Amino acid sequence: MITRQVNGGPLVDPEGNPLSGVRVSFELIDCAGNPMVEVDSFSGDVISGYVSVITDAGGLFVVGLWPNSRGVSPTQYRCTIGQPNVSPFLIQVPESSNPLAIFDAMSAGGLPPC
């Protein structure tokens, strides 16, 4: 399965301290927000829809996510950061060999449903 490296962080608290040991999860969803399993339109691989990572001591994380552009159906990821007062947001991962910064993958206020 093809994945693209997504870099995140540093995640910090309101005082600017790194959030270490925090779970960051990514769930593949359809345009209505429903969890889904997708098929890679090029390789035929079945893509399961949930990946999670834990931030390091500096509040950073790296995760490999399947590019949404390779799917048969329109998809996006719902990103959830395991901290109070942080709302889930949506990202789309375009195909590329270059790493993607998570905050470059989202728009202000999140993406509209695909």
C-alpha atoms as a PDB file:
ATOM      1  CA  MET A   1       0.000   0.000   0.000  1.00  0.00           C
ATOM      2  CA  ILE A   2       1.257   3.461  -0.900  1.00  0.00           C
ATOM      3  CA  THR A   3       1.401   5.964   1.964  1.00  0.00           C
ATOM      4  CA  ARG A   4       2.503   9.559   2.312  1.00  0.00           C
ATOM      5  CA  GLN A   5       4.443  10.774   5.328  1.00  0.00           C
ATOM      6  CA  VAL A   6       2.453  13.323   7.328  1.00  0.00           C
ATOM      7  CA  ASN A   7       4.361  15.341   9.940  1.00  0.00           C
ATOM      8  CA  GLY A   8       2.570  16.973  12.840  1.00  0.00           C
ATOM      9  CA  GLY A   9       3.340  19.327  15.627  1.00  0.00           C
ATOM     10  CA  PRO A  10       4.653  20.425  17.776  1.00  0.00           C
ATOM     11  CA  LEU A  11       1.376  20.105  19.634  1.00  0.00           C
ATOM     12  CA  VAL A  12       1.439  22.372  22.681  1.00  0.00           C
ATOM     13  CA  ASP A  13      -0.844  23.288  25.574  1.00  0.00           C
ATOM     14  CA  PRO A  14      -2.133  26.864  26.093  1.00  0.00           C
ATOM     15  CA  GLU A  15       1.061  27.712  28.012  1.00  0.00           C
ATOM     16  CA  GLY A  16       3.247  26.515  25.120  1.00  0.00           C
ATOM     17  CA  ASN A  17       4.396  23.260  26.748  1.00  0.00           C
ATOM     18  CA  PRO A  18       4.767  20.273  24.378  1.00  0.00           C
ATOM     19  CA  LEU A  19       1.980  17.700  24.585  1.00  0.00           C
ATOM     20  CA  SER A  20       3.878  14.427  24.890  1.00  0.00           C
ATOM     21  CA  GLY A  21       2.223  11.017  24.928  1.00  0.00           C
ATOM     22  CA  VAL A  22      -0.971  12.288  23.271  1.00  0.00           C
ATOM     23  CA  ARG A  23      -2.865  10.008  20.867  1.00  0.00           C
ATOM     24  CA  VAL A  24      -3.521  11.490  17.429  1.00  0.00           C
ATOM     25  CA  SER A  25      -5.892   9.402  15.304  1.00  0.00           C
ATOM     26  CA  PHE A  26      -6.920   9.489  11.664  1.00  0.00           C
ATOM     27  CA  GLU A  27     -10.106   7.851  10.451  1.00  0.00           C
ATOM     28  CA  LEU A  28     -10.879   7.454   6.761  1.00  0.00           C
ATOM     29  CA  ILE A  29     -14.425   8.708   6.162  1.00  0.00           C
ATOM     30  CA  ASP A  30     -16.782   9.305   3.279  1.00  0.00           C
ATOM     31  CA  CYS A  31     -18.302  12.673   2.395  1.00  0.00           C
ATOM     32  CA  ALA A  32     -21.128  12.166   4.888  1.00  0.00           C
ATOM     33  CA  GLY A  33     -18.653  11.544   7.722  1.00  0.00           C
ATOM     34  CA  ASN A  34     -19.153   7.770   7.902  1.00  0.00           C
ATOM     35  CA  PRO A  35     -16.148   5.494   8.557  1.00  0.00           C
ATOM     36  CA  MET A  36     -15.283   3.459   5.498  1.00  0.00           C
ATOM     37  CA  VAL A  37     -12.969   0.981   3.835  1.00  0.00           C
ATOM     38  CA  GLU A  38     -11.736   2.052   0.396  1.00  0.00           C
ATOM     39  CA  VAL A  39     -10.066   0.388  -2.576  1.00  0.00           C
ATOM     40  CA  ASP A  40      -6.902   1.852  -4.095  1.00  0.00           C
ATOM     41  CA  SER A  41      -7.863   2.542  -7.709  1.00  0.00           C
ATOM     42  CA  PHE A  42      -4.346   1.795  -8.969  1.00  0.00           C
ATOM     43  CA  SER A  43      -3.216  -1.237  -6.954  1.00  0.00           C
ATOM     44  CA  GLY A  44      -6.552  -2.739  -5.897  1.00  0.00           C
ATOM     45  CA  ASP A  45      -5.383  -2.793  -2.254  1.00  0.00           C
ATOM     46  CA  VAL A  46      -8.134  -2.601   0.351  1.00  0.00           C
ATOM     47  CA  ILE A  47      -7.507   0.367   2.639  1.00  0.00           C
ATOM     48  CA  SER A  48      -8.716   0.104   6.219  1.00  0.00           C
ATOM     49  CA  GLY A  49      -9.776   3.325   7.762  1.00  0.00           C
ATOM     50  CA  TYR A  50      -8.083   3.929  11.143  1.00  0.00           C
ATOM     51  CA  VAL A  51      -4.505   4.857  12.090  1.00  0.00           C
ATOM     52  CA  SER A  52      -3.223   6.341  15.346  1.00  0.00           C
ATOM     53  CA  VAL A  53       0.117   7.557  16.680  1.00  0.00           C
ATOM     54  CA  ILE A  54       1.423   8.966  19.957  1.00  0.00           C
ATOM     55  CA  THR A  55       3.272  12.287  20.149  1.00  0.00           C
ATOM     56  CA  ASP A  56       6.899  12.213  21.287  1.00  0.00           C
ATOM     57  CA  ALA A  57       8.446  14.245  24.128  1.00  0.00           C
ATOM     58  CA  GLY A  58       8.496  17.359  21.935  1.00  0.00           C
ATOM     59  CA  GLY A  59       4.822  17.039  20.921  1.00  0.00           C
ATOM     60  CA  LEU A  60       5.734  15.848  17.415  1.00  0.00           C
ATOM     61  CA  PHE A  61       4.411  12.901  15.420  1.00  0.00           C
ATOM     62  CA  VAL A  62       4.891  11.226  12.053  1.00  0.00           C
ATOM     63  CA  VAL A  63       2.297   8.996  10.426  1.00  0.00           C
ATOM     64  CA  GLY A  64       1.940   7.299   7.043  1.00  0.00           C
ATOM     65  CA  LEU A  65      -1.472   7.908   5.485  1.00  0.00           C
ATOM     66  CA  TRP A  66      -2.891   6.569   2.250  1.00  0.00           C
ATOM     67  CA  PRO A  67      -3.447   9.375  -0.309  1.00  0.00           C
ATOM     68  CA  ASN A  68      -7.157  10.152  -0.709  1.00  0.00           C
ATOM     69  CA  SER A  69      -6.628  10.886  -4.409  1.00  0.00           C
ATOM     70  CA  ARG A  70      -5.992   7.169  -5.110  1.00  0.00           C
ATOM     71  CA  GLY A  71      -9.484   6.105  -4.082  1.00  0.00           C
ATOM     72  CA  VAL A  72     -12.454   4.963  -6.082  1.00  0.00           C
ATOM     73  CA  SER A  73     -14.777   7.196  -4.005  1.00  0.00           C
ATOM     74  CA  PRO A  74     -14.208  10.674  -2.538  1.00  0.00           C
ATOM     75  CA  THR A  75     -12.750  10.400   0.980  1.00  0.00           C
ATOM     76  CA  GLN A  76     -11.075  12.448   3.686  1.00  0.00           C
ATOM     77  CA  TYR A  77      -9.589  11.831   7.125  1.00  0.00           C
ATOM     78  CA  ARG A  78     -11.119  12.895  10.414  1.00  0.00           C
ATOM     79  CA  CYS A  79      -8.211  13.796  12.718  1.00  0.00           C
ATOM     80  CA  THR A  80      -8.780  13.593  16.462  1.00  0.00           C
ATOM     81  CA  ILE A  81      -6.246  14.832  19.000  1.00  0.00           C
ATOM     82  CA  GLY A  82      -6.723  13.247  22.413  1.00  0.00           C
ATOM     83  CA  GLN A  83      -6.960  16.457  24.400  1.00  0.00           C
ATOM     84  CA  PRO A  84      -9.911  18.264  25.961  1.00  0.00           C
ATOM     85  CA  ASN A  85     -11.210  21.266  24.038  1.00  0.00           C
ATOM     86  CA  VAL A  86      -9.653  20.164  20.737  1.00  0.00           C
ATOM     87  CA  SER A  87     -12.311  19.486  18.122  1.00  0.00           C
ATOM     88  CA  PRO A  88     -11.769  16.874  15.416  1.00  0.00           C
ATOM     89  CA  PHE A  89     -10.907  18.338  12.018  1.00  0.00           C
ATOM     90  CA  LEU A  90     -10.754  17.082   8.439  1.00  0.00           C
ATOM     91  CA  ILE A  91      -7.752  16.693   6.164  1.00  0.00           C
ATOM     92  CA  GLN A  92      -7.115  15.360   2.697  1.00  0.00           C
ATOM     93  CA  VAL A  93      -3.807  13.786   1.772  1.00  0.00           C
ATOM     94  CA  PRO A  94      -2.747  14.342  -1.850  1.00  0.00           C
ATOM     95  CA  GLU A  95      -0.375  11.876  -3.489  1.00  0.00           C
ATOM     96  CA  SER A  96       3.279  12.956  -3.465  1.00  0.00           C
ATOM     97  CA  SER A  97       6.672  11.614  -2.488  1.00  0.00           C
ATOM     98  CA  ASN A  98       7.292  14.707  -0.324  1.00  0.00           C
ATOM     99  CA  PRO A  99       6.327  14.793   3.367  1.00  0.00           C
ATOM    100  CA  LEU A 100       3.173  16.768   4.179  1.00  0.00           C
ATOM    101  CA  ALA A 101       2.789  19.011   7.227  1.00  0.00           C
ATOM    102  CA  ILE A 102      -0.571  18.280   8.826  1.00  0.00           C
ATOM    103  CA  PHE A 103      -1.463  21.936   9.154  1.00  0.00           C
ATOM    104  CA  ASP A 104      -0.889  22.358   5.395  1.00  0.00           C
ATOM    105  CA  ALA A 105      -3.411  19.551   4.786  1.00  0.00           C
ATOM    106  CA  MET A 106      -6.258  21.368   6.509  1.00  0.00           C
ATOM    107  CA  SER A 107      -7.925  24.664   5.844  1.00  0.00           C
ATOM    108  CA  ALA A 108      -9.033  27.180   8.450  1.00  0.00           C
ATOM    109  CA  GLY A 109     -12.156  25.741  10.032  1.00  0.00           C
ATOM    110  CA  GLY A 110     -11.565  22.365   8.392  1.00  0.00           C
ATOM    111  CA  LEU A 111     -12.554  21.091   4.988  1.00  0.00           C
ATOM    112  CA  PRO A 112     -16.109  21.082   3.735  1.00  0.00           C
ATOM    113  CA  PRO A 113     -17.501  17.582   3.201  1.00  0.00           C
ATOM    114  CA  CYS A 114     -15.901  16.209   0.027  1.00  0.00           C
END
